[in-house]
Amino acid sequence: MTGKLIQMRMEGYEVVEKKAEKGGNSARIYVPKHWLGKKVRAVLLE
């Protein structure tokens, strides 16, 4: 991995930690269905 580790603070309502899976020509993570239409952030942890 290239780049520098950054520290950030976020406030939110729920969190999930998952491994990204192959999805066509990209990677994806699945989140709970009730998150549909909500603003979501994904953060690379490793």
N, C-alpha and C. Protein backbone atom coordinates (compact mmCIF):
# COMPACT_ATOMS: atom_id res chain seq x y z
N MET A 1 0.84 -1.17 0.00
CA MET A 1 0.00 0.00 0.00
C MET A 1 0.88 1.23 0.00
N THR A 2 0.52 2.20 -0.78
CA THR A 2 1.24 3.45 -0.78
C THR A 2 0.44 4.48 -0.03
N GLY A 3 1.07 5.52 0.35
CA GLY A 3 0.36 6.58 1.05
C GLY A 3 0.69 6.61 2.53
N LYS A 4 0.18 7.61 3.17
CA LYS A 4 0.48 7.87 4.57
C LYS A 4 -0.77 7.62 5.40
N LEU A 5 -0.59 7.02 6.56
CA LEU A 5 -1.68 6.78 7.48
C LEU A 5 -2.21 8.12 7.98
N ILE A 6 -3.52 8.30 7.95
CA ILE A 6 -4.13 9.53 8.44
C ILE A 6 -5.07 9.19 9.60
N GLN A 7 -5.28 10.15 10.46
CA GLN A 7 -6.20 9.96 11.57
C GLN A 7 -7.42 10.82 11.32
N MET A 8 -8.61 10.25 11.55
CA MET A 8 -9.83 11.02 11.35
C MET A 8 -10.83 10.69 12.45
N ARG A 9 -11.72 11.59 12.67
CA ARG A 9 -12.78 11.40 13.66
C ARG A 9 -14.10 11.51 12.92
N MET A 10 -14.98 10.53 13.15
CA MET A 10 -16.29 10.54 12.51
C MET A 10 -17.36 10.27 13.55
N GLU A 11 -18.52 10.82 13.32
CA GLU A 11 -19.67 10.52 14.15
C GLU A 11 -20.70 9.82 13.27
N GLY A 12 -21.37 8.84 13.81
CA GLY A 12 -22.35 8.12 13.02
C GLY A 12 -23.29 7.32 13.91
N TYR A 13 -24.08 6.47 13.29
CA TYR A 13 -25.10 5.72 13.99
C TYR A 13 -24.82 4.23 14.09
N GLU A 14 -24.14 3.67 13.10
CA GLU A 14 -23.81 2.25 13.10
C GLU A 14 -22.47 2.07 12.40
N VAL A 15 -21.82 0.96 12.65
CA VAL A 15 -20.57 0.65 11.96
C VAL A 15 -20.53 -0.85 11.65
N VAL A 16 -20.01 -1.19 10.49
CA VAL A 16 -19.74 -2.58 10.14
C VAL A 16 -18.29 -2.63 9.67
N GLU A 17 -17.62 -3.73 9.96
CA GLU A 17 -16.26 -3.92 9.47
C GLU A 17 -16.25 -5.22 8.69
N LYS A 18 -15.93 -5.11 7.40
CA LYS A 18 -15.98 -6.27 6.51
C LYS A 18 -14.79 -6.26 5.58
N LYS A 19 -14.54 -7.40 4.95
CA LYS A 19 -13.51 -7.50 3.92
C LYS A 19 -14.16 -7.24 2.57
N ALA A 20 -13.54 -6.38 1.77
CA ALA A 20 -14.06 -6.10 0.43
C ALA A 20 -13.94 -7.36 -0.43
N GLU A 21 -14.97 -7.62 -1.22
CA GLU A 21 -15.01 -8.80 -2.09
C GLU A 21 -14.98 -8.38 -3.54
N LYS A 22 -14.56 -9.29 -4.40
CA LYS A 22 -14.53 -9.01 -5.83
C LYS A 22 -15.95 -8.79 -6.34
N GLY A 23 -16.07 -7.79 -7.20
CA GLY A 23 -17.37 -7.49 -7.79
C GLY A 23 -17.18 -6.95 -9.19
N GLY A 24 -17.15 -7.81 -10.19
CA GLY A 24 -16.91 -7.37 -11.56
C GLY A 24 -15.48 -6.88 -11.71
N ASN A 25 -15.31 -5.63 -12.14
CA ASN A 25 -13.97 -5.05 -12.30
C ASN A 25 -13.58 -4.20 -11.10
N SER A 26 -14.26 -4.38 -9.98
CA SER A 26 -13.98 -3.57 -8.80
C SER A 26 -14.11 -4.43 -7.55
N ALA A 27 -14.11 -3.80 -6.40
CA ALA A 27 -14.35 -4.48 -5.14
C ALA A 27 -15.57 -3.85 -4.50
N ARG A 28 -16.23 -4.60 -3.64
CA ARG A 28 -17.43 -4.05 -2.98
C ARG A 28 -17.56 -4.59 -1.57
N ILE A 29 -18.30 -3.87 -0.78
CA ILE A 29 -18.70 -4.33 0.54
C ILE A 29 -20.22 -4.26 0.60
N TYR A 30 -20.81 -5.16 1.32
CA TYR A 30 -22.27 -5.17 1.48
C TYR A 30 -22.61 -4.59 2.85
N VAL A 31 -23.58 -3.73 2.88
CA VAL A 31 -24.02 -3.10 4.13
C VAL A 31 -25.47 -3.50 4.37
N PRO A 32 -25.97 -3.30 5.59
CA PRO A 32 -27.36 -3.68 5.88
C PRO A 32 -28.36 -2.99 4.95
N LYS A 33 -29.42 -3.71 4.61
CA LYS A 33 -30.42 -3.21 3.67
C LYS A 33 -31.06 -1.90 4.13
N HIS A 34 -31.20 -1.71 5.44
CA HIS A 34 -31.82 -0.47 5.91
C HIS A 34 -30.91 0.75 5.72
N TRP A 35 -29.69 0.55 5.25
CA TRP A 35 -28.79 1.66 4.90
C TRP A 35 -29.07 2.16 3.49
N LEU A 36 -29.88 1.48 2.73
CA LEU A 36 -30.18 1.85 1.35
C LEU A 36 -30.66 3.30 1.28
N GLY A 37 -30.03 4.08 0.41
CA GLY A 37 -30.40 5.48 0.23
C GLY A 37 -29.77 6.43 1.24
N LYS A 38 -28.99 5.90 2.19
CA LYS A 38 -28.33 6.73 3.20
C LYS A 38 -26.92 7.09 2.77
N LYS A 39 -26.37 8.16 3.33
CA LYS A 39 -24.98 8.53 3.07
C LYS A 39 -24.08 7.63 3.91
N VAL A 40 -23.11 6.97 3.25
CA VAL A 40 -22.23 6.00 3.89
C VAL A 40 -20.78 6.34 3.53
N ARG A 41 -19.86 6.12 4.46
CA ARG A 41 -18.44 6.29 4.20
C ARG A 41 -17.73 4.97 4.38
N ALA A 42 -16.79 4.68 3.49
CA ALA A 42 -15.96 3.49 3.61
C ALA A 42 -14.52 3.96 3.85
N VAL A 43 -13.84 3.34 4.81
CA VAL A 43 -12.48 3.73 5.17
C VAL A 43 -11.58 2.51 5.02
N LEU A 44 -10.48 2.67 4.29
CA LEU A 44 -9.50 1.60 4.13
C LEU A 44 -8.70 1.47 5.42
N LEU A 45 -8.74 0.30 6.06
CA LEU A 45 -8.10 0.10 7.35
C LEU A 45 -6.73 -0.57 7.28
N GLU A 46 -6.42 -1.24 6.19
CA GLU A 46 -5.11 -1.91 6.09
C GLU A 46 -4.51 -1.71 4.73
